[in-house]
Amino acid sequence: MILNKFSSVSLSGRLKTLSLQIIVLSLFSCNKTADITANKAFVSFTHVAYQVGPLTLRINDLDVFTAIPFDSATGHPYASVTSQVSNTSILESSDTFLSGFSSFRQGAHYSIYVYDTIEAGTLEASSKSMIILQDNPPLNSDTTISIRYMNFSPSSQIGLLLINNRHAIPISYDTVIIQPIDFVGANINPASYVFMPILAGTYSITAFIDSSRPAPDNSNFRPLGNFTFSISSNYNFNLVGFGNDTAGQYKLQLKPVALN
């Protein structure tokens, strides 16, 4: 069920275009049994809205997460909310800039993202948006985990090259190629954001544009370091920052968020 009934709330002294996209991947249902404590859904919150201060997620007049700074995620453990159609707001300080209704299904887990479309090096007004995705990774084997890649870099399509470090010379199935995808704000189709299985372990990770093969000068590659995927977790795999930035708060970097 998709609910898109949010409206923007103007902030004094700010000239910003505000918009909201809410994506919920499953139908809403409620538990009508006497056990009201079982009528719960579970949410996490990720703040990837550039040049925006700490944010508070408020659902049905209750602050679920407070003062979450940019480039931060709550991850595991999730917070519980009542499974129903809920009044949902995002606040910066005491000002509400996104407000409307969202639907949470009983027993389901959700990742809530707030992001914007500001470009590196500009002071132009940006569009603030929210997307909610259900966390439904597949069952893993004894050696695999699942990751969901999301591109929050408002620039070119960007892909990822992951090479498992378990062998001195990587073999074919040590390499995972995630094809370039658009910035989330340019593609709000929930079917685009699915979990994929990979082997657990430590990977060297490179962002790429155009091709997963390096150009002669490696100009299409950006090394992002190493990351170890624990066999006990699944992950949201968030790309944040700007492709031309190599230092500072908005440098291009991966932010894996463990979900369980």
C-alpha atoms as a PDB file:
ATOM      1  CA  MET A   1       0.000   0.000   0.000  1.00  0.00           C
ATOM      2  CA  ILE A   2       1.381   3.396  -0.919  1.00  0.00           C
ATOM      3  CA  LEU A   3       0.351   6.453   1.051  1.00  0.00           C
ATOM      4  CA  ASN A   4       1.421   9.792  -0.323  1.00  0.00           C
ATOM      5  CA  LYS A   5      -0.611  12.265   1.723  1.00  0.00           C
ATOM      6  CA  PHE A   6       2.222  14.238   3.236  1.00  0.00           C
ATOM      7  CA  SER A   7       2.310  18.004   2.995  1.00  0.00           C
ATOM      8  CA  SER A   8       5.223  20.353   3.442  1.00  0.00           C
ATOM      9  CA  VAL A   9       5.388  22.798   6.330  1.00  0.00           C
ATOM     10  CA  SER A  10       7.145  26.126   5.621  1.00  0.00           C
ATOM     11  CA  LEU A  11      10.065  27.156   7.838  1.00  0.00           C
ATOM     12  CA  SER A  12      10.478  30.836   8.670  1.00  0.00           C
ATOM     13  CA  GLY A  13      13.303  32.500   6.764  1.00  0.00           C
ATOM     14  CA  ARG A  14      13.952  29.512   4.499  1.00  0.00           C
ATOM     15  CA  LEU A  15      13.258  29.252   0.795  1.00  0.00           C
ATOM     16  CA  LYS A  16      13.154  25.563   0.176  1.00  0.00           C
ATOM     17  CA  THR A  17      11.067  23.344  -2.024  1.00  0.00           C
ATOM     18  CA  LEU A  18       9.788  20.544   0.148  1.00  0.00           C
ATOM     19  CA  SER A  19       8.438  17.268  -1.106  1.00  0.00           C
ATOM     20  CA  LEU A  20       7.788  13.826   0.293  1.00  0.00           C
ATOM     21  CA  GLN A  21       7.709  10.350  -1.193  1.00  0.00           C
ATOM     22  CA  ILE A  22       6.571   7.567   1.104  1.00  0.00           C
ATOM     23  CA  ILE A  23       7.124   4.042  -0.123  1.00  0.00           C
ATOM     24  CA  VAL A  24       5.659   1.178   1.877  1.00  0.00           C
ATOM     25  CA  LEU A  25       6.134  -2.263   0.375  1.00  0.00           C
ATOM     26  CA  SER A  26       3.322  -4.215   2.005  1.00  0.00           C
ATOM     27  CA  LEU A  27      -0.330  -3.927   2.838  1.00  0.00           C
ATOM     28  CA  PHE A  28      -1.393  -2.514   6.156  1.00  0.00           C
ATOM     29  CA  SER A  29      -3.078  -4.844   8.582  1.00  0.00           C
ATOM     30  CA  CYS A  30      -3.961  -4.616  12.238  1.00  0.00           C
ATOM     31  CA  ASN A  31      -4.333  -7.067  15.043  1.00  0.00           C
ATOM     32  CA  LYS A  32      -7.822  -6.997  16.531  1.00  0.00           C
ATOM     33  CA  THR A  33      -7.080  -9.467  19.282  1.00  0.00           C
ATOM     34  CA  ALA A  34      -7.186  -8.588  22.941  1.00  0.00           C
ATOM     35  CA  ASP A  35      -3.379  -8.595  23.099  1.00  0.00           C
ATOM     36  CA  ILE A  36      -2.773  -4.984  22.130  1.00  0.00           C
ATOM     37  CA  THR A  37       0.941  -5.291  22.948  1.00  0.00           C
ATOM     38  CA  ALA A  38       1.326  -7.600  19.929  1.00  0.00           C
ATOM     39  CA  ASN A  39       0.000  -4.925  17.570  1.00  0.00           C
ATOM     40  CA  LYS A  40       3.465  -3.570  16.790  1.00  0.00           C
ATOM     41  CA  ALA A  41       5.697  -2.774  13.832  1.00  0.00           C
ATOM     42  CA  PHE A  42       9.387  -1.884  14.003  1.00  0.00           C
ATOM     43  CA  VAL A  43      11.276   1.045  12.469  1.00  0.00           C
ATOM     44  CA  SER A  44      14.819   2.365  12.021  1.00  0.00           C
ATOM     45  CA  PHE A  45      15.791   5.860  10.882  1.00  0.00           C
ATOM     46  CA  THR A  46      18.560   7.171   8.587  1.00  0.00           C
ATOM     47  CA  HIS A  47      19.404  10.881   8.094  1.00  0.00           C
ATOM     48  CA  VAL A  48      21.058  11.599   4.726  1.00  0.00           C
ATOM     49  CA  ALA A  49      19.702  15.123   4.075  1.00  0.00           C
ATOM     50  CA  TYR A  50      22.698  17.349   3.327  1.00  0.00           C
ATOM     51  CA  GLN A  51      23.057  20.681   5.150  1.00  0.00           C
ATOM     52  CA  VAL A  52      20.196  19.738   7.499  1.00  0.00           C
ATOM     53  CA  GLY A  53      20.692  19.635  11.259  1.00  0.00           C
ATOM     54  CA  PRO A  54      19.788  16.780  13.627  1.00  0.00           C
ATOM     55  CA  LEU A  55      16.351  15.318  12.978  1.00  0.00           C
ATOM     56  CA  THR A  56      13.595  13.854  15.128  1.00  0.00           C
ATOM     57  CA  LEU A  57      11.155  11.198  13.936  1.00  0.00           C
ATOM     58  CA  ARG A  58       7.751  11.659  15.540  1.00  0.00           C
ATOM     59  CA  ILE A  59       4.911   9.149  15.085  1.00  0.00           C
ATOM     60  CA  ASN A  60       1.473   9.798  16.576  1.00  0.00           C
ATOM     61  CA  ASP A  61       2.865  12.618  18.741  1.00  0.00           C
ATOM     62  CA  LEU A  62       5.571  10.390  20.237  1.00  0.00           C
ATOM     63  CA  ASP A  63       9.271  10.989  19.525  1.00  0.00           C
ATOM     64  CA  VAL A  64      10.586   7.660  18.250  1.00  0.00           C
ATOM     65  CA  PHE A  65      14.147   8.896  17.557  1.00  0.00           C
ATOM     66  CA  THR A  66      15.493  12.296  18.588  1.00  0.00           C
ATOM     67  CA  ALA A  67      18.392  14.497  17.444  1.00  0.00           C
ATOM     68  CA  ILE A  68      19.745  12.063  14.818  1.00  0.00           C
ATOM     69  CA  PRO A  69      22.609  13.916  13.062  1.00  0.00           C
ATOM     70  CA  PHE A  70      23.363  13.908   9.342  1.00  0.00           C
ATOM     71  CA  ASP A  71      25.066  10.767   8.072  1.00  0.00           C
ATOM     72  CA  SER A  72      23.726   8.673  10.960  1.00  0.00           C
ATOM     73  CA  ALA A  73      21.412   5.685  11.211  1.00  0.00           C
ATOM     74  CA  THR A  74      19.757   3.985  14.153  1.00  0.00           C
ATOM     75  CA  GLY A  75      19.943   0.467  12.672  1.00  0.00           C
ATOM     76  CA  HIS A  76      19.489  -2.424  15.096  1.00  0.00           C
ATOM     77  CA  PRO A  77      17.676  -2.608  17.464  1.00  0.00           C
ATOM     78  CA  TYR A  78      14.552  -1.218  15.870  1.00  0.00           C
ATOM     79  CA  ALA A  79      12.080   0.946  17.762  1.00  0.00           C
ATOM     80  CA  SER A  80       8.525  -0.339  18.076  1.00  0.00           C
ATOM     81  CA  VAL A  81       5.478   1.599  16.871  1.00  0.00           C
ATOM     82  CA  THR A  82       1.797   0.744  16.706  1.00  0.00           C
ATOM     83  CA  SER A  83       0.868  -1.062  13.475  1.00  0.00           C
ATOM     84  CA  GLN A  84      -1.694   1.273  11.967  1.00  0.00           C
ATOM     85  CA  VAL A  85      -2.002   4.301   9.741  1.00  0.00           C
ATOM     86  CA  SER A  86       0.046   6.833  11.705  1.00  0.00           C
ATOM     87  CA  ASN A  87       0.633  10.565  11.727  1.00  0.00           C
ATOM     88  CA  THR A  88       4.345  10.829  10.920  1.00  0.00           C
ATOM     89  CA  SER A  89       6.490  13.956  11.161  1.00  0.00           C
ATOM     90  CA  ILE A  90      10.130  14.902  10.676  1.00  0.00           C
ATOM     91  CA  LEU A  91      11.406  17.808  12.781  1.00  0.00           C
ATOM     92  CA  GLU A  92      14.594  19.847  12.634  1.00  0.00           C
ATOM     93  CA  SER A  93      14.951  21.394  16.087  1.00  0.00           C
ATOM     94  CA  SER A  94      11.341  22.289  16.900  1.00  0.00           C
ATOM     95  CA  ASP A  95      10.333  22.970  13.266  1.00  0.00           C
ATOM     96  CA  THR A  96       8.369  20.378  11.325  1.00  0.00           C
ATOM     97  CA  PHE A  97       9.325  20.266   7.646  1.00  0.00           C
ATOM     98  CA  LEU A  98       7.670  16.980   6.635  1.00  0.00           C
ATOM     99  CA  SER A  99       4.328  15.770   7.951  1.00  0.00           C
ATOM    100  CA  GLY A 100       1.657  13.308   6.867  1.00  0.00           C
ATOM    101  CA  PHE A 101       0.498   9.713   7.212  1.00  0.00           C
ATOM    102  CA  SER A 102       2.267   6.379   6.835  1.00  0.00           C
ATOM    103  CA  SER A 103       1.186   2.773   7.248  1.00  0.00           C
ATOM    104  CA  PHE A 104       3.038   0.100   9.230  1.00  0.00           C
ATOM    105  CA  ARG A 105       2.063  -3.576   9.058  1.00  0.00           C
ATOM    106  CA  GLN A 106       1.983  -5.716  12.184  1.00  0.00           C
ATOM    107  CA  GLY A 107       5.259  -7.546  12.804  1.00  0.00           C
ATOM    108  CA  ALA A 108       7.036  -5.919   9.845  1.00  0.00           C
ATOM    109  CA  HIS A 109      10.340  -4.022   9.996  1.00  0.00           C
ATOM    110  CA  TYR A 110      10.969  -0.767   8.136  1.00  0.00           C
ATOM    111  CA  SER A 111      13.854   1.529   7.261  1.00  0.00           C
ATOM    112  CA  ILE A 112      12.899   5.212   7.110  1.00  0.00           C
ATOM    113  CA  TYR A 113      15.213   7.568   5.191  1.00  0.00           C
ATOM    114  CA  VAL A 114      15.165  11.362   4.994  1.00  0.00           C
ATOM    115  CA  TYR A 115      17.269  12.727   2.117  1.00  0.00           C
ATOM    116  CA  ASP A 116      17.546  15.759  -0.161  1.00  0.00           C
ATOM    117  CA  THR A 117      18.731  16.683  -3.636  1.00  0.00           C
ATOM    118  CA  ILE A 118      21.312  19.386  -2.944  1.00  0.00           C
ATOM    119  CA  GLU A 119      24.368  19.270  -5.223  1.00  0.00           C
ATOM    120  CA  ALA A 120      27.959  19.537  -4.058  1.00  0.00           C
ATOM    121  CA  GLY A 121      29.317  23.078  -3.941  1.00  0.00           C
ATOM    122  CA  THR A 122      25.934  24.781  -4.366  1.00  0.00           C
ATOM    123  CA  LEU A 123      23.751  26.834  -2.084  1.00  0.00           C
ATOM    124  CA  GLU A 124      20.600  26.228  -4.089  1.00  0.00           C
ATOM    125  CA  ALA A 125      17.371  25.216  -2.415  1.00  0.00           C
ATOM    126  CA  SER A 126      16.894  21.458  -2.315  1.00  0.00           C
ATOM    127  CA  SER A 127      13.929  19.140  -2.213  1.00  0.00           C
ATOM    128  CA  LYS A 128      13.502  17.313   1.107  1.00  0.00           C
ATOM    129  CA  SER A 129      11.942  13.878   0.872  1.00  0.00           C
ATOM    130  CA  MET A 130      11.343  10.686   2.823  1.00  0.00           C
ATOM    131  CA  ILE A 131      11.221   7.104   1.676  1.00  0.00           C
ATOM    132  CA  ILE A 132      10.101   4.118   3.775  1.00  0.00           C
ATOM    133  CA  LEU A 133      11.069   0.594   2.738  1.00  0.00           C
ATOM    134  CA  GLN A 134      10.153  -2.683   4.344  1.00  0.00           C
ATOM    135  CA  ASP A 135      13.138  -4.728   5.512  1.00  0.00           C
ATOM    136  CA  ASN A 136      12.450  -8.211   4.192  1.00  0.00           C
ATOM    137  CA  PRO A 137      15.793  -9.892   3.435  1.00  0.00           C
ATOM    138  CA  PRO A 138      15.696 -13.509   2.248  1.00  0.00           C
ATOM    139  CA  LEU A 139      16.713 -16.401   4.441  1.00  0.00           C
ATOM    140  CA  ASN A 140      20.494 -16.741   4.416  1.00  0.00           C
ATOM    141  CA  SER A 141      22.624 -19.851   4.230  1.00  0.00           C
ATOM    142  CA  ASP A 142      25.363 -20.718   6.713  1.00  0.00           C
ATOM    143  CA  THR A 143      27.851 -18.613   4.733  1.00  0.00           C
ATOM    144  CA  THR A 144      25.808 -15.792   3.189  1.00  0.00           C
ATOM    145  CA  ILE A 145      24.248 -12.524   4.330  1.00  0.00           C
ATOM    146  CA  SER A 146      22.067 -10.046   2.417  1.00  0.00           C
ATOM    147  CA  ILE A 147      22.708  -6.404   1.542  1.00  0.00           C
ATOM    148  CA  ARG A 148      20.498  -3.666   0.039  1.00  0.00           C
ATOM    149  CA  TYR A 149      22.351  -0.960  -1.874  1.00  0.00           C
ATOM    150  CA  MET A 150      20.957   2.606  -1.865  1.00  0.00           C
ATOM    151  CA  ASN A 151      22.632   5.507  -3.681  1.00  0.00           C
ATOM    152  CA  PHE A 152      22.167   8.775  -1.764  1.00  0.00           C
ATOM    153  CA  SER A 153      24.789  10.619  -3.799  1.00  0.00           C
ATOM    154  CA  PRO A 154      22.874  13.156  -5.947  1.00  0.00           C
ATOM    155  CA  SER A 155      25.174  12.889  -8.951  1.00  0.00           C
ATOM    156  CA  SER A 156      25.974  10.218 -11.549  1.00  0.00           C
ATOM    157  CA  GLN A 157      24.745   6.663 -11.518  1.00  0.00           C
ATOM    158  CA  ILE A 158      27.182   4.799  -9.288  1.00  0.00           C
ATOM    159  CA  GLY A 159      27.884   1.086  -8.900  1.00  0.00           C
ATOM    160  CA  LEU A 160      29.987  -0.934  -6.480  1.00  0.00           C
ATOM    161  CA  LEU A 161      32.740  -3.490  -6.932  1.00  0.00           C
ATOM    162  CA  LEU A 162      33.242  -5.762  -3.900  1.00  0.00           C
ATOM    163  CA  ILE A 163      36.205  -8.134  -3.794  1.00  0.00           C
ATOM    164  CA  ASN A 164      36.361 -10.711  -1.002  1.00  0.00           C
ATOM    165  CA  ASN A 165      39.809 -10.720   0.627  1.00  0.00           C
ATOM    166  CA  ARG A 166      39.808 -14.383   1.619  1.00  0.00           C
ATOM    167  CA  HIS A 167      42.200 -15.311  -1.238  1.00  0.00           C
ATOM    168  CA  ALA A 168      45.485 -13.597  -2.063  1.00  0.00           C
ATOM    169  CA  ILE A 169      44.462 -13.736  -5.733  1.00  0.00           C
ATOM    170  CA  PRO A 170      40.655 -13.333  -6.007  1.00  0.00           C
ATOM    171  CA  ILE A 171      38.747 -15.936  -7.951  1.00  0.00           C
ATOM    172  CA  SER A 172      35.558 -15.284  -9.877  1.00  0.00           C
ATOM    173  CA  TYR A 173      33.070 -15.914  -7.081  1.00  0.00           C
ATOM    174  CA  ASP A 174      35.022 -13.650  -4.715  1.00  0.00           C
ATOM    175  CA  THR A 175      33.889 -10.671  -6.808  1.00  0.00           C
ATOM    176  CA  VAL A 176      30.471  -9.009  -6.486  1.00  0.00           C
ATOM    177  CA  ILE A 177      29.459  -6.355  -9.006  1.00  0.00           C
ATOM    178  CA  ILE A 178      26.511  -4.118  -8.148  1.00  0.00           C
ATOM    179  CA  GLN A 179      25.565  -2.302 -11.333  1.00  0.00           C
ATOM    180  CA  PRO A 180      25.299   1.519 -11.266  1.00  0.00           C
ATOM    181  CA  ILE A 181      21.978   2.863 -10.021  1.00  0.00           C
ATOM    182  CA  ASP A 182      20.427   6.319  -9.870  1.00  0.00           C
ATOM    183  CA  PHE A 183      20.321   8.589  -6.872  1.00  0.00           C
ATOM    184  CA  VAL A 184      17.328   7.530  -4.764  1.00  0.00           C
ATOM    185  CA  GLY A 185      15.574  10.842  -5.426  1.00  0.00           C
ATOM    186  CA  ALA A 186      15.578  10.056  -9.142  1.00  0.00           C
ATOM    187  CA  ASN A 187      14.136   6.574  -8.669  1.00  0.00           C
ATOM    188  CA  ILE A 188      11.466   6.055  -6.014  1.00  0.00           C
ATOM    189  CA  ASN A 189      10.376   2.662  -7.364  1.00  0.00           C
ATOM    190  CA  PRO A 190      10.455   0.249  -4.389  1.00  0.00           C
ATOM    191  CA  ALA A 191      11.214  -2.689  -6.678  1.00  0.00           C
ATOM    192  CA  SER A 192      14.619  -1.114  -7.340  1.00  0.00           C
ATOM    193  CA  TYR A 193      15.741  -1.616  -3.739  1.00  0.00           C
ATOM    194  CA  VAL A 194      15.991  -5.317  -3.020  1.00  0.00           C
ATOM    195  CA  PHE A 195      18.304  -7.401  -0.883  1.00  0.00           C
ATOM    196  CA  MET A 196      20.987  -9.493  -2.582  1.00  0.00           C
ATOM    197  CA  PRO A 197      22.958 -12.359  -1.010  1.00  0.00           C
ATOM    198  CA  ILE A 198      26.754 -12.280  -0.754  1.00  0.00           C
ATOM    199  CA  LEU A 199      29.280 -14.354   1.130  1.00  0.00           C
ATOM    200  CA  ALA A 200      30.060 -13.096   4.609  1.00  0.00           C
ATOM    201  CA  GLY A 201      33.603 -11.855   5.087  1.00  0.00           C
ATOM    202  CA  THR A 202      35.889  -8.878   4.501  1.00  0.00           C
ATOM    203  CA  TYR A 203      35.704  -7.033   1.181  1.00  0.00           C
ATOM    204  CA  SER A 204      37.658  -4.258  -0.461  1.00  0.00           C
ATOM    205  CA  ILE A 205      35.057  -1.919  -1.958  1.00  0.00           C
ATOM    206  CA  THR A 206      35.289   0.433  -4.930  1.00  0.00           C
ATOM    207  CA  ALA A 207      32.675   2.799  -6.317  1.00  0.00           C
ATOM    208  CA  PHE A 208      32.588   3.043 -10.105  1.00  0.00           C
ATOM    209  CA  ILE A 209      30.799   4.847 -12.891  1.00  0.00           C
ATOM    210  CA  ASP A 210      30.293   3.702 -16.501  1.00  0.00           C
ATOM    211  CA  SER A 211      32.117   0.370 -16.173  1.00  0.00           C
ATOM    212  CA  SER A 212      33.318  -2.045 -13.508  1.00  0.00           C
ATOM    213  CA  ARG A 213      36.567  -2.278 -15.493  1.00  0.00           C
ATOM    214  CA  PRO A 214      39.056   0.449 -14.587  1.00  0.00           C
ATOM    215  CA  ALA A 215      39.814   3.124 -17.135  1.00  0.00           C
ATOM    216  CA  PRO A 216      43.509   3.488 -18.085  1.00  0.00           C
ATOM    217  CA  ASP A 217      43.826   6.321 -15.557  1.00  0.00           C
ATOM    218  CA  ASN A 218      41.376   4.753 -13.053  1.00  0.00           C
ATOM    219  CA  SER A 219      39.288   7.918 -13.306  1.00  0.00           C
ATOM    220  CA  ASN A 220      36.043   5.916 -13.133  1.00  0.00           C
ATOM    221  CA  PHE A 221      37.060   4.248  -9.851  1.00  0.00           C
ATOM    222  CA  ARG A 222      36.944   5.523  -6.275  1.00  0.00           C
ATOM    223  CA  PRO A 223      38.333   3.181  -3.559  1.00  0.00           C
ATOM    224  CA  LEU A 224      36.121   3.195  -0.462  1.00  0.00           C
ATOM    225  CA  GLY A 225      38.157   0.985   1.854  1.00  0.00           C
ATOM    226  CA  ASN A 226      37.402  -2.380   3.444  1.00  0.00           C
ATOM    227  CA  PHE A 227      34.350  -3.628   5.286  1.00  0.00           C
ATOM    228  CA  THR A 228      33.654  -6.862   7.141  1.00  0.00           C
ATOM    229  CA  PHE A 229      30.172  -8.324   6.810  1.00  0.00           C
ATOM    230  CA  SER A 230      29.286 -10.356   9.887  1.00  0.00           C
ATOM    231  CA  ILE A 231      27.483 -13.639   9.314  1.00  0.00           C
ATOM    232  CA  SER A 232      25.001 -12.630  12.014  1.00  0.00           C
ATOM    233  CA  SER A 233      23.647  -9.546  10.217  1.00  0.00           C
ATOM    234  CA  ASN A 234      21.998  -8.225   7.087  1.00  0.00           C
ATOM    235  CA  TYR A 235      22.763  -4.679   5.949  1.00  0.00           C
ATOM    236  CA  ASN A 236      21.454  -1.538   4.366  1.00  0.00           C
ATOM    237  CA  PHE A 237      24.409  -0.451   2.238  1.00  0.00           C
ATOM    238  CA  ASN A 238      24.126   3.322   1.825  1.00  0.00           C
ATOM    239  CA  LEU A 239      26.347   5.385  -0.476  1.00  0.00           C
ATOM    240  CA  VAL A 240      26.543   8.963   0.849  1.00  0.00           C
ATOM    241  CA  GLY A 241      28.401  12.081  -0.269  1.00  0.00           C
ATOM    242  CA  PHE A 242      29.563  13.597  -3.545  1.00  0.00           C
ATOM    243  CA  GLY A 243      31.704  11.884  -6.144  1.00  0.00           C
ATOM    244  CA  ASN A 244      34.213  14.736  -6.447  1.00  0.00           C
ATOM    245  CA  ASP A 245      34.739  15.127  -2.698  1.00  0.00           C
ATOM    246  CA  THR A 246      37.623  13.129  -1.224  1.00  0.00           C
ATOM    247  CA  ALA A 247      37.658  14.716   2.235  1.00  0.00           C
ATOM    248  CA  GLY A 248      35.363  16.415   4.697  1.00  0.00           C
ATOM    249  CA  GLN A 249      31.830  15.751   5.839  1.00  0.00           C
ATOM    250  CA  TYR A 250      30.430  15.184   2.356  1.00  0.00           C
ATOM    251  CA  LYS A 251      33.138  12.951   0.885  1.00  0.00           C
ATOM    252  CA  LEU A 252      31.908   9.904  -0.994  1.00  0.00           C
ATOM    253  CA  GLN A 253      31.675   6.995   1.434  1.00  0.00           C
ATOM    254  CA  LEU A 254      29.718   3.868   2.248  1.00  0.00           C
ATOM    255  CA  LYS A 255      27.660   3.635   5.409  1.00  0.00           C
ATOM    256  CA  PRO A 256      26.678  -0.005   6.084  1.00  0.00           C
ATOM    257  CA  VAL A 257      23.870  -0.284   8.639  1.00  0.00           C
ATOM    258  CA  ALA A 258      23.390  -3.654  10.393  1.00  0.00           C
ATOM    259  CA  LEU A 259      19.709  -4.590  10.574  1.00  0.00           C
ATOM    260  CA  ASN A 260      19.798  -7.591  12.920  1.00  0.00           C
END
